[in-house]
Amino acid sequence: METKELILRYGFVAGKRYKKSQKLRFLLGMTQEFQEMGYRTEAKQTEKKVLNNTNLYVGNISGARLLAESYYDTPPSCLKLFPYRFFSRSCRRTAGNLAVILPMLTIILIGVLFFTLAYVPLWNEGGQMSVAGAASLVFFLLLLKALHSFRRGFGQKRNIVRNTSSLIALLKLAQEEKGNSDIAYVLTDNGCGSNVGAEVLEQQKRRHQTCVHLDCVGAPGTLYAVYSASGLRPQLPAKLRALCQELTITPLNVDEHTCLKLDYFNKEDIYLLAGEYCSEGFILRKKQLLSTELQEDHLEKTVLFLRKFCKVLS
């Protein structure tokens, strides 16, 4: 599978995965993609924190040593207003709130202006229905429909970096590792929100398994492997650093950066991400976030890392 073809398919055609119907179409396409490669797939729906969450599990989930994970949902459109901060609960909460508040305020303002300046009663003075009044009623009903449609906000259109790039890396890995029962793949829901999909995965993960989470791996910037040496099994941190040095990936041990506040970080897992490290943590600037081009060398390094790290776990 060519990268350009996958970008077109999952970055544009099925590039918006914000509403339930959009997610369902995407999952059906991904299920077919993996099944054509010979993988066993299972979509599981759970309800947690008053949210319906659907994860797609691919391969030998119970027996695999390595779980390669990426969230498949896409962020709200208001993210273009500020950078994306990895592992930040407040960033996701702000984005979610603005995605609802801004369109609601806009619709309400339009309604106020209309009824102040252009509203015509449905019935005229003679008791007959007014054409202009009927048009006013139709407009009012359209406003109500718009309020209902945008009650959860609306999604971002350009999602090639976040997080289609990570999904493409998983597909490329799955293509190269057909028949390898030591690697399984998980596509999680709500990765742009409350992180429920990853939490469900953590509860199902077995003791012998290590999970590597992918986030924006095709973005410009530095490719990082973020981990906690104290959370991984003995000898793994040294092997991880050696592998990163071989592939020119920057390893970052959070135990040595105590100032970092990582809300969605599990010490037993590893996180591959591309971005910028600064005093605020890991971020992606707006220009990088909205890019329609991927760093193919990052995708290649991600796939190689996962293939070789699986052998390290054996």
C-alpha atoms as a PDB file:
ATOM      1  CA  MET A   1       0.000   0.000   0.000  1.00  0.00           C
ATOM      2  CA  GLU A   2       1.386   3.359  -1.039  1.00  0.00           C
ATOM      3  CA  THR A   3       1.438   6.161   1.523  1.00  0.00           C
ATOM      4  CA  LYS A   4      -0.287   8.568  -0.881  1.00  0.00           C
ATOM      5  CA  GLU A   5      -3.147   6.125  -1.414  1.00  0.00           C
ATOM      6  CA  LEU A   6      -3.605   5.697   2.339  1.00  0.00           C
ATOM      7  CA  ILE A   7      -3.514   9.473   2.883  1.00  0.00           C
ATOM      8  CA  LEU A   8      -6.233   9.906   0.263  1.00  0.00           C
ATOM      9  CA  ARG A   9      -8.355   7.121   1.739  1.00  0.00           C
ATOM     10  CA  TYR A  10      -8.047   7.899   5.455  1.00  0.00           C
ATOM     11  CA  GLY A  11      -6.897  11.508   5.401  1.00  0.00           C
ATOM     12  CA  PHE A  12      -9.519  12.859   3.001  1.00  0.00           C
ATOM     13  CA  VAL A  13     -12.277  10.363   2.084  1.00  0.00           C
ATOM     14  CA  ALA A  14     -12.665   9.049   5.651  1.00  0.00           C
ATOM     15  CA  GLY A  15     -10.595  11.804   7.214  1.00  0.00           C
ATOM     16  CA  LYS A  16     -13.263  13.202   9.512  1.00  0.00           C
ATOM     17  CA  ARG A  17     -14.068  10.832  12.392  1.00  0.00           C
ATOM     18  CA  TYR A  18     -15.846  13.059  14.876  1.00  0.00           C
ATOM     19  CA  LYS A  19     -19.473  11.919  14.786  1.00  0.00           C
ATOM     20  CA  LYS A  20     -20.679   8.386  15.480  1.00  0.00           C
ATOM     21  CA  SER A  21     -21.679   7.802  11.839  1.00  0.00           C
ATOM     22  CA  GLN A  22     -18.251   8.972  10.616  1.00  0.00           C
ATOM     23  CA  LYS A  23     -16.489   6.647  13.058  1.00  0.00           C
ATOM     24  CA  LEU A  24     -18.652   3.715  11.985  1.00  0.00           C
ATOM     25  CA  ARG A  25     -17.826   4.209   8.294  1.00  0.00           C
ATOM     26  CA  PHE A  26     -14.145   4.375   9.146  1.00  0.00           C
ATOM     27  CA  LEU A  27     -14.236   1.236  11.309  1.00  0.00           C
ATOM     28  CA  LEU A  28     -16.000  -0.715   8.567  1.00  0.00           C
ATOM     29  CA  GLY A  29     -13.285   0.316   6.110  1.00  0.00           C
ATOM     30  CA  MET A  30     -10.465  -0.528   8.519  1.00  0.00           C
ATOM     31  CA  THR A  31     -12.028  -3.874   9.392  1.00  0.00           C
ATOM     32  CA  GLN A  32     -12.102  -4.810   5.713  1.00  0.00           C
ATOM     33  CA  GLU A  33      -8.512  -3.572   5.301  1.00  0.00           C
ATOM     34  CA  PHE A  34      -7.176  -5.818   8.070  1.00  0.00           C
ATOM     35  CA  GLN A  35      -9.327  -8.811   7.145  1.00  0.00           C
ATOM     36  CA  GLU A  36      -8.022  -8.712   3.576  1.00  0.00           C
ATOM     37  CA  MET A  37      -4.534  -9.061   5.065  1.00  0.00           C
ATOM     38  CA  GLY A  38      -5.703 -12.184   6.899  1.00  0.00           C
ATOM     39  CA  TYR A  39      -6.143 -10.735  10.389  1.00  0.00           C
ATOM     40  CA  ARG A  40      -8.905 -11.560  12.835  1.00  0.00           C
ATOM     41  CA  THR A  41     -10.774  -8.412  13.906  1.00  0.00           C
ATOM     42  CA  GLU A  42     -13.259  -7.576  16.641  1.00  0.00           C
ATOM     43  CA  ALA A  43     -14.974  -4.279  17.404  1.00  0.00           C
ATOM     44  CA  LYS A  44     -15.990  -3.946  21.053  1.00  0.00           C
ATOM     45  CA  GLN A  45     -18.319  -1.277  22.336  1.00  0.00           C
ATOM     46  CA  THR A  46     -18.216  -0.231  25.974  1.00  0.00           C
ATOM     47  CA  GLU A  47     -19.827   2.529  27.975  1.00  0.00           C
ATOM     48  CA  LYS A  48     -17.648   4.438  30.398  1.00  0.00           C
ATOM     49  CA  LYS A  49     -17.911   7.943  31.849  1.00  0.00           C
ATOM     50  CA  VAL A  50     -21.307   8.257  30.096  1.00  0.00           C
ATOM     51  CA  LEU A  51     -19.529   7.795  26.748  1.00  0.00           C
ATOM     52  CA  ASN A  52     -20.061   5.118  24.136  1.00  0.00           C
ATOM     53  CA  ASN A  53     -16.625   3.876  23.160  1.00  0.00           C
ATOM     54  CA  THR A  54     -15.769   1.477  20.327  1.00  0.00           C
ATOM     55  CA  ASN A  55     -12.296  -0.051  20.054  1.00  0.00           C
ATOM     56  CA  LEU A  56     -11.158  -2.196  17.128  1.00  0.00           C
ATOM     57  CA  TYR A  57      -8.932  -5.148  18.093  1.00  0.00           C
ATOM     58  CA  VAL A  58      -6.845  -6.799  15.389  1.00  0.00           C
ATOM     59  CA  GLY A  59      -4.795  -9.991  15.569  1.00  0.00           C
ATOM     60  CA  ASN A  60      -3.871 -12.213  18.511  1.00  0.00           C
ATOM     61  CA  ILE A  61      -4.919  -9.761  21.223  1.00  0.00           C
ATOM     62  CA  SER A  62      -4.621 -12.142  24.174  1.00  0.00           C
ATOM     63  CA  GLY A  63      -1.354 -13.806  23.146  1.00  0.00           C
ATOM     64  CA  ALA A  64       0.651 -11.008  21.502  1.00  0.00           C
ATOM     65  CA  ARG A  65       3.653  -9.587  23.336  1.00  0.00           C
ATOM     66  CA  LEU A  66       3.386  -6.189  21.673  1.00  0.00           C
ATOM     67  CA  LEU A  67       0.206  -4.128  21.390  1.00  0.00           C
ATOM     68  CA  ALA A  68       0.553  -1.333  18.835  1.00  0.00           C
ATOM     69  CA  GLU A  69      -2.121   1.289  19.578  1.00  0.00           C
ATOM     70  CA  SER A  70      -3.391   4.433  17.924  1.00  0.00           C
ATOM     71  CA  TYR A  71      -6.567   6.426  18.496  1.00  0.00           C
ATOM     72  CA  TYR A  72      -8.692   6.843  15.383  1.00  0.00           C
ATOM     73  CA  ASP A  73     -11.111   9.648  16.286  1.00  0.00           C
ATOM     74  CA  THR A  74     -10.324  13.177  15.103  1.00  0.00           C
ATOM     75  CA  PRO A  75     -10.244  16.464  17.052  1.00  0.00           C
ATOM     76  CA  PRO A  76     -12.719  19.358  17.124  1.00  0.00           C
ATOM     77  CA  SER A  77     -12.190  22.113  14.595  1.00  0.00           C
ATOM     78  CA  CYS A  78     -11.313  24.766  17.165  1.00  0.00           C
ATOM     79  CA  LEU A  79      -7.887  23.164  17.648  1.00  0.00           C
ATOM     80  CA  LYS A  80      -6.661  25.451  14.882  1.00  0.00           C
ATOM     81  CA  LEU A  81      -6.914  28.252  17.466  1.00  0.00           C
ATOM     82  CA  PHE A  82      -3.999  26.951  19.549  1.00  0.00           C
ATOM     83  CA  PRO A  83      -1.230  24.299  19.517  1.00  0.00           C
ATOM     84  CA  TYR A  84      -1.881  20.670  20.393  1.00  0.00           C
ATOM     85  CA  ARG A  85      -0.391  19.681  23.752  1.00  0.00           C
ATOM     86  CA  PHE A  86       0.255  15.966  24.099  1.00  0.00           C
ATOM     87  CA  PHE A  87      -0.883  14.326  27.378  1.00  0.00           C
ATOM     88  CA  SER A  88      -2.844  17.457  28.378  1.00  0.00           C
ATOM     89  CA  ARG A  89      -6.296  17.013  29.903  1.00  0.00           C
ATOM     90  CA  SER A  90      -6.914  20.771  30.007  1.00  0.00           C
ATOM     91  CA  CYS A  91      -6.044  21.147  26.292  1.00  0.00           C
ATOM     92  CA  ARG A  92      -8.550  18.474  25.290  1.00  0.00           C
ATOM     93  CA  ARG A  93     -11.219  19.822  27.634  1.00  0.00           C
ATOM     94  CA  THR A  94     -10.796  23.373  26.329  1.00  0.00           C
ATOM     95  CA  ALA A  95     -10.958  22.172  22.719  1.00  0.00           C
ATOM     96  CA  GLY A  96     -14.092  20.143  23.412  1.00  0.00           C
ATOM     97  CA  ASN A  97     -15.840  23.007  25.193  1.00  0.00           C
ATOM     98  CA  LEU A  98     -14.980  25.555  22.509  1.00  0.00           C
ATOM     99  CA  ALA A  99     -16.158  23.174  19.795  1.00  0.00           C
ATOM    100  CA  VAL A 100     -19.615  23.299  21.381  1.00  0.00           C
ATOM    101  CA  ILE A 101     -19.765  26.880  22.677  1.00  0.00           C
ATOM    102  CA  LEU A 102     -18.561  28.728  19.556  1.00  0.00           C
ATOM    103  CA  PRO A 103     -21.084  27.284  17.056  1.00  0.00           C
ATOM    104  CA  MET A 104     -23.901  27.536  19.616  1.00  0.00           C
ATOM    105  CA  LEU A 105     -23.178  31.218  20.252  1.00  0.00           C
ATOM    106  CA  THR A 106     -22.967  31.860  16.511  1.00  0.00           C
ATOM    107  CA  ILE A 107     -26.340  30.204  15.856  1.00  0.00           C
ATOM    108  CA  ILE A 108     -27.988  32.038  18.762  1.00  0.00           C
ATOM    109  CA  LEU A 109     -26.567  35.369  17.558  1.00  0.00           C
ATOM    110  CA  ILE A 110     -27.930  34.746  14.048  1.00  0.00           C
ATOM    111  CA  GLY A 111     -31.316  33.952  15.564  1.00  0.00           C
ATOM    112  CA  VAL A 112     -31.349  37.108  17.706  1.00  0.00           C
ATOM    113  CA  LEU A 113     -30.394  39.285  14.731  1.00  0.00           C
ATOM    114  CA  PHE A 114     -33.022  37.676  12.524  1.00  0.00           C
ATOM    115  CA  PHE A 115     -35.874  38.052  14.999  1.00  0.00           C
ATOM    116  CA  THR A 116     -34.788  41.610  15.780  1.00  0.00           C
ATOM    117  CA  LEU A 117     -34.427  42.808  12.190  1.00  0.00           C
ATOM    118  CA  ALA A 118     -36.306  40.538   9.819  1.00  0.00           C
ATOM    119  CA  TYR A 119     -38.939  38.510  11.666  1.00  0.00           C
ATOM    120  CA  VAL A 120     -42.445  38.562  10.136  1.00  0.00           C
ATOM    121  CA  PRO A 121     -45.483  37.098  12.013  1.00  0.00           C
ATOM    122  CA  LEU A 122     -46.955  33.909  10.568  1.00  0.00           C
ATOM    123  CA  TRP A 123     -50.448  35.442  10.317  1.00  0.00           C
ATOM    124  CA  ASN A 124     -51.131  38.855   8.844  1.00  0.00           C
ATOM    125  CA  GLU A 125     -53.698  41.338  10.142  1.00  0.00           C
ATOM    126  CA  GLY A 126     -56.411  39.797   7.962  1.00  0.00           C
ATOM    127  CA  GLY A 127     -55.964  36.396   9.610  1.00  0.00           C
ATOM    128  CA  GLN A 128     -54.349  34.825   6.563  1.00  0.00           C
ATOM    129  CA  MET A 129     -51.012  33.004   6.528  1.00  0.00           C
ATOM    130  CA  SER A 130     -48.217  35.257   5.370  1.00  0.00           C
ATOM    131  CA  VAL A 131     -45.625  33.909   2.920  1.00  0.00           C
ATOM    132  CA  ALA A 132     -42.933  35.928   4.671  1.00  0.00           C
ATOM    133  CA  GLY A 133     -44.219  34.622   8.002  1.00  0.00           C
ATOM    134  CA  ALA A 134     -44.013  31.036   6.757  1.00  0.00           C
ATOM    135  CA  ALA A 135     -40.439  31.711   5.644  1.00  0.00           C
ATOM    136  CA  SER A 136     -39.683  33.044   9.136  1.00  0.00           C
ATOM    137  CA  LEU A 137     -41.083  29.852  10.663  1.00  0.00           C
ATOM    138  CA  VAL A 138     -38.962  27.685   8.353  1.00  0.00           C
ATOM    139  CA  PHE A 139     -35.871  29.691   9.278  1.00  0.00           C
ATOM    140  CA  PHE A 140     -36.678  29.250  12.982  1.00  0.00           C
ATOM    141  CA  LEU A 141     -36.978  25.474  12.520  1.00  0.00           C
ATOM    142  CA  LEU A 142     -33.651  25.422  10.661  1.00  0.00           C
ATOM    143  CA  LEU A 143     -32.035  27.228  13.585  1.00  0.00           C
ATOM    144  CA  LEU A 144     -33.385  24.597  15.979  1.00  0.00           C
ATOM    145  CA  LYS A 145     -32.047  21.836  13.712  1.00  0.00           C
ATOM    146  CA  ALA A 146     -28.636  23.546  13.618  1.00  0.00           C
ATOM    147  CA  LEU A 147     -28.572  23.768  17.422  1.00  0.00           C
ATOM    148  CA  HIS A 148     -29.311  20.042  17.631  1.00  0.00           C
ATOM    149  CA  SER A 149     -26.720  19.141  14.966  1.00  0.00           C
ATOM    150  CA  PHE A 150     -23.921  21.069  16.674  1.00  0.00           C
ATOM    151  CA  ARG A 151     -24.775  20.112  20.254  1.00  0.00           C
ATOM    152  CA  ARG A 152     -21.458  18.225  20.426  1.00  0.00           C
ATOM    153  CA  GLY A 153     -19.565  20.676  18.237  1.00  0.00           C
ATOM    154  CA  PHE A 154     -18.081  19.922  14.842  1.00  0.00           C
ATOM    155  CA  GLY A 155     -14.906  18.183  13.803  1.00  0.00           C
ATOM    156  CA  GLN A 156     -11.684  19.337  12.225  1.00  0.00           C
ATOM    157  CA  LYS A 157     -11.383  18.687   8.470  1.00  0.00           C
ATOM    158  CA  ARG A 158      -7.617  18.275   8.055  1.00  0.00           C
ATOM    159  CA  ASN A 159      -6.568  15.350  10.230  1.00  0.00           C
ATOM    160  CA  ILE A 160      -3.692  13.862   8.269  1.00  0.00           C
ATOM    161  CA  VAL A 161      -1.171  14.475  11.050  1.00  0.00           C
ATOM    162  CA  ARG A 162      -3.497  13.857  14.006  1.00  0.00           C
ATOM    163  CA  ASN A 163      -3.920  10.999  13.941  1.00  0.00           C
ATOM    164  CA  THR A 164      -4.206   9.524  10.458  1.00  0.00           C
ATOM    165  CA  SER A 165      -0.401   9.388  10.242  1.00  0.00           C
ATOM    166  CA  SER A 166      -0.285   6.888  13.119  1.00  0.00           C
ATOM    167  CA  LEU A 167      -3.017   4.764  11.546  1.00  0.00           C
ATOM    168  CA  ILE A 168      -1.018   4.642   8.313  1.00  0.00           C
ATOM    169  CA  ALA A 169       2.027   3.449  10.270  1.00  0.00           C
ATOM    170  CA  LEU A 170      -0.057   0.646  11.809  1.00  0.00           C
ATOM    171  CA  LEU A 171      -1.357  -0.437   8.398  1.00  0.00           C
ATOM    172  CA  LYS A 172       2.161  -0.514   6.976  1.00  0.00           C
ATOM    173  CA  LEU A 173       3.362  -2.561   9.943  1.00  0.00           C
ATOM    174  CA  ALA A 174       0.438  -4.980   9.618  1.00  0.00           C
ATOM    175  CA  GLN A 175       1.230  -5.445   5.923  1.00  0.00           C
ATOM    176  CA  GLU A 176       4.874  -6.267   6.663  1.00  0.00           C
ATOM    177  CA  GLU A 177       4.192  -8.469   9.700  1.00  0.00           C
ATOM    178  CA  LYS A 178       1.466 -10.752   8.364  1.00  0.00           C
ATOM    179  CA  GLY A 179       1.466 -13.982  10.315  1.00  0.00           C
ATOM    180  CA  ASN A 180       3.385 -12.540  13.269  1.00  0.00           C
ATOM    181  CA  SER A 181       1.197 -13.447  16.245  1.00  0.00           C
ATOM    182  CA  ASP A 182       3.478 -11.541  18.625  1.00  0.00           C
ATOM    183  CA  ILE A 183       2.101  -8.196  17.382  1.00  0.00           C
ATOM    184  CA  ALA A 184      -1.533  -7.140  17.759  1.00  0.00           C
ATOM    185  CA  TYR A 185      -3.141  -3.846  16.827  1.00  0.00           C
ATOM    186  CA  VAL A 186      -5.679  -1.743  18.685  1.00  0.00           C
ATOM    187  CA  LEU A 187      -7.518   1.280  17.293  1.00  0.00           C
ATOM    188  CA  THR A 188      -9.004   3.174  20.225  1.00  0.00           C
ATOM    189  CA  ASP A 189     -11.818   5.688  20.458  1.00  0.00           C
ATOM    190  CA  ASN A 190     -11.965   9.038  22.298  1.00  0.00           C
ATOM    191  CA  GLY A 191      -8.231   9.679  21.986  1.00  0.00           C
ATOM    192  CA  CYS A 192      -8.955  13.351  21.295  1.00  0.00           C
ATOM    193  CA  GLY A 193     -11.192  13.592  24.340  1.00  0.00           C
ATOM    194  CA  SER A 194     -11.328  11.728  27.625  1.00  0.00           C
ATOM    195  CA  ASN A 195      -8.931   8.940  26.585  1.00  0.00           C
ATOM    196  CA  VAL A 196     -11.546   6.312  27.417  1.00  0.00           C
ATOM    197  CA  GLY A 197     -10.480   3.958  24.618  1.00  0.00           C
ATOM    198  CA  ALA A 198      -6.911   3.715  25.925  1.00  0.00           C
ATOM    199  CA  GLU A 199      -8.205   3.223  29.477  1.00  0.00           C
ATOM    200  CA  VAL A 200     -10.357   0.304  28.335  1.00  0.00           C
ATOM    201  CA  LEU A 201      -7.300  -1.202  26.629  1.00  0.00           C
ATOM    202  CA  GLU A 202      -5.204  -0.843  29.799  1.00  0.00           C
ATOM    203  CA  GLN A 203      -7.821  -2.795  31.756  1.00  0.00           C
ATOM    204  CA  GLN A 204      -7.732  -5.622  29.207  1.00  0.00           C
ATOM    205  CA  LYS A 205      -3.953  -5.722  28.758  1.00  0.00           C
ATOM    206  CA  ARG A 206      -2.213  -8.773  30.212  1.00  0.00           C
ATOM    207  CA  ARG A 207       0.904  -8.778  32.376  1.00  0.00           C
ATOM    208  CA  HIS A 208       3.187 -10.180  29.677  1.00  0.00           C
ATOM    209  CA  GLN A 209       2.177  -7.478  27.176  1.00  0.00           C
ATOM    210  CA  THR A 210       3.769  -4.107  26.413  1.00  0.00           C
ATOM    211  CA  CYS A 211       1.760  -1.391  24.700  1.00  0.00           C
ATOM    212  CA  VAL A 212       3.277   1.203  22.363  1.00  0.00           C
ATOM    213  CA  HIS A 213       0.996   4.177  21.708  1.00  0.00           C
ATOM    214  CA  LEU A 214       1.373   6.203  18.499  1.00  0.00           C
ATOM    215  CA  ASP A 215       0.439   9.883  18.307  1.00  0.00           C
ATOM    216  CA  CYS A 216       1.090  12.139  15.292  1.00  0.00           C
ATOM    217  CA  VAL A 217       4.120  10.078  14.242  1.00  0.00           C
ATOM    218  CA  GLY A 218       4.068  11.575  10.739  1.00  0.00           C
ATOM    219  CA  ALA A 219       4.280  15.171  11.935  1.00  0.00           C
ATOM    220  CA  PRO A 220       7.241  17.502  11.330  1.00  0.00           C
ATOM    221  CA  GLY A 221       9.626  17.871  14.238  1.00  0.00           C
ATOM    222  CA  THR A 222      11.513  15.354  16.335  1.00  0.00           C
ATOM    223  CA  LEU A 223      10.383  11.747  16.698  1.00  0.00           C
ATOM    224  CA  TYR A 224      10.379  10.811  20.399  1.00  0.00           C
ATOM    225  CA  ALA A 225      10.063   7.558  22.316  1.00  0.00           C
ATOM    226  CA  VAL A 226       8.681   8.645  25.686  1.00  0.00           C
ATOM    227  CA  TYR A 227       8.899   6.123  28.528  1.00  0.00           C
ATOM    228  CA  SER A 228       9.415   5.656  32.260  1.00  0.00           C
ATOM    229  CA  ALA A 229      12.432   3.544  33.178  1.00  0.00           C
ATOM    230  CA  SER A 230      10.902   2.771  36.578  1.00  0.00           C
ATOM    231  CA  GLY A 231       7.686   1.503  34.993  1.00  0.00           C
ATOM    232  CA  LEU A 232       9.183  -0.851  32.401  1.00  0.00           C
ATOM    233  CA  ARG A 233      10.473  -4.334  33.072  1.00  0.00           C
ATOM    234  CA  PRO A 234      14.183  -4.640  33.980  1.00  0.00           C
ATOM    235  CA  GLN A 235      16.601  -4.470  31.013  1.00  0.00           C
ATOM    236  CA  LEU A 236      13.937  -3.012  28.712  1.00  0.00           C
ATOM    237  CA  PRO A 237      15.003   0.648  29.166  1.00  0.00           C
ATOM    238  CA  ALA A 238      18.582  -0.108  28.069  1.00  0.00           C
ATOM    239  CA  LYS A 239      17.389  -2.088  25.032  1.00  0.00           C
ATOM    240  CA  LEU A 240      14.915   0.665  24.206  1.00  0.00           C
ATOM    241  CA  ARG A 241      17.620   3.344  24.267  1.00  0.00           C
ATOM    242  CA  ALA A 242      19.903   1.205  22.083  1.00  0.00           C
ATOM    243  CA  LEU A 243      17.124   0.724  19.543  1.00  0.00           C
ATOM    244  CA  CYS A 244      16.373   4.452  19.527  1.00  0.00           C
ATOM    245  CA  GLN A 245      20.042   5.219  18.916  1.00  0.00           C
ATOM    246  CA  GLU A 246      20.105   2.773  15.990  1.00  0.00           C
ATOM    247  CA  LEU A 247      17.040   4.382  14.375  1.00  0.00           C
ATOM    248  CA  THR A 248      17.881   7.994  15.355  1.00  0.00           C
ATOM    249  CA  ILE A 249      14.758   8.317  17.485  1.00  0.00           C
ATOM    250  CA  THR A 250      15.083  10.547  20.547  1.00  0.00           C
ATOM    251  CA  PRO A 251      14.422   8.602  23.778  1.00  0.00           C
ATOM    252  CA  LEU A 252      13.036  10.582  26.714  1.00  0.00           C
ATOM    253  CA  ASN A 253      12.798   9.077  30.186  1.00  0.00           C
ATOM    254  CA  VAL A 254      10.118  10.989  32.099  1.00  0.00           C
ATOM    255  CA  ASP A 255      11.733   9.955  35.399  1.00  0.00           C
ATOM    256  CA  GLU A 256      14.510  12.425  34.568  1.00  0.00           C
ATOM    257  CA  HIS A 257      12.042  15.225  33.767  1.00  0.00           C
ATOM    258  CA  THR A 258      10.031  15.567  36.952  1.00  0.00           C
ATOM    259  CA  CYS A 259       8.675  18.981  35.911  1.00  0.00           C
ATOM    260  CA  LEU A 260       6.584  17.336  33.177  1.00  0.00           C
ATOM    261  CA  LYS A 261       2.869  17.006  33.860  1.00  0.00           C
ATOM    262  CA  LEU A 262       1.549  14.110  31.797  1.00  0.00           C
ATOM    263  CA  ASP A 263      -2.152  13.509  32.423  1.00  0.00           C
ATOM    264  CA  TYR A 264      -2.600  10.501  30.155  1.00  0.00           C
ATOM    265  CA  PHE A 265       0.687   8.699  30.702  1.00  0.00           C
ATOM    266  CA  ASN A 266       0.978   5.073  31.804  1.00  0.00           C
ATOM    267  CA  LYS A 267       4.412   4.195  33.185  1.00  0.00           C
ATOM    268  CA  GLU A 268       4.193   0.632  31.902  1.00  0.00           C
ATOM    269  CA  ASP A 269       3.746   1.778  28.293  1.00  0.00           C
ATOM    270  CA  ILE A 270       5.831   3.510  25.614  1.00  0.00           C
ATOM    271  CA  TYR A 271       4.684   6.491  23.553  1.00  0.00           C
ATOM    272  CA  LEU A 272       5.970   7.290  20.063  1.00  0.00           C
ATOM    273  CA  LEU A 273       5.183  10.848  18.999  1.00  0.00           C
ATOM    274  CA  ALA A 274       6.534  13.548  16.708  1.00  0.00           C
ATOM    275  CA  GLY A 275       6.576  17.155  17.804  1.00  0.00           C
ATOM    276  CA  GLU A 276       8.473  19.679  19.841  1.00  0.00           C
ATOM    277  CA  TYR A 277       9.655  19.409  23.443  1.00  0.00           C
ATOM    278  CA  CYS A 278       9.599  22.638  25.437  1.00  0.00           C
ATOM    279  CA  SER A 279       8.908  23.912  28.940  1.00  0.00           C
ATOM    280  CA  GLU A 280       5.176  23.291  28.372  1.00  0.00           C
ATOM    281  CA  GLY A 281       5.776  19.649  27.489  1.00  0.00           C
ATOM    282  CA  PHE A 282       5.298  18.076  24.069  1.00  0.00           C
ATOM    283  CA  ILE A 283       3.468  20.254  21.565  1.00  0.00           C
ATOM    284  CA  LEU A 284       2.606  20.559  17.889  1.00  0.00           C
ATOM    285  CA  ARG A 285       2.284  24.067  16.477  1.00  0.00           C
ATOM    286  CA  LYS A 286      -0.825  24.971  14.477  1.00  0.00           C
ATOM    287  CA  LYS A 287       1.024  24.984  11.148  1.00  0.00           C
ATOM    288  CA  GLN A 288       2.460  21.521  11.780  1.00  0.00           C
ATOM    289  CA  LEU A 289      -0.865  20.197  13.013  1.00  0.00           C
ATOM    290  CA  LEU A 290      -2.734  21.263   9.880  1.00  0.00           C
ATOM    291  CA  SER A 291      -0.083  20.068   7.418  1.00  0.00           C
ATOM    292  CA  THR A 292      -1.297  17.873   4.554  1.00  0.00           C
ATOM    293  CA  GLU A 293       2.144  16.312   4.067  1.00  0.00           C
ATOM    294  CA  LEU A 294       3.684  13.573   6.192  1.00  0.00           C
ATOM    295  CA  GLN A 295       7.285  12.930   7.163  1.00  0.00           C
ATOM    296  CA  GLU A 296       7.701   9.538   5.510  1.00  0.00           C
ATOM    297  CA  ASP A 297      11.012   8.943   7.261  1.00  0.00           C
ATOM    298  CA  HIS A 298       9.146   9.181  10.584  1.00  0.00           C
ATOM    299  CA  LEU A 299       6.647   6.582   9.388  1.00  0.00           C
ATOM    300  CA  GLU A 300       9.462   4.264   8.295  1.00  0.00           C
ATOM    301  CA  LYS A 301      11.267   4.676  11.622  1.00  0.00           C
ATOM    302  CA  THR A 302       8.039   4.008  13.515  1.00  0.00           C
ATOM    303  CA  VAL A 303       7.406   0.779  11.610  1.00  0.00           C
ATOM    304  CA  LEU A 304      11.030  -0.340  12.058  1.00  0.00           C
ATOM    305  CA  PHE A 305      10.925   0.501  15.756  1.00  0.00           C
ATOM    306  CA  LEU A 306       7.819  -1.612  16.322  1.00  0.00           C
ATOM    307  CA  ARG A 307       9.194  -4.547  14.319  1.00  0.00           C
ATOM    308  CA  LYS A 308      12.514  -4.571  16.164  1.00  0.00           C
ATOM    309  CA  PHE A 309      11.026  -3.829  19.572  1.00  0.00           C
ATOM    310  CA  CYS A 310       8.779  -6.868  19.190  1.00  0.00           C
ATOM    311  CA  LYS A 311      11.910  -9.009  18.801  1.00  0.00           C
ATOM    312  CA  VAL A 312      13.369  -7.397  21.928  1.00  0.00           C
ATOM    313  CA  LEU A 313      10.291  -8.561  23.857  1.00  0.00           C
ATOM    314  CA  SER A 314      10.588 -12.164  22.602  1.00  0.00           C
END
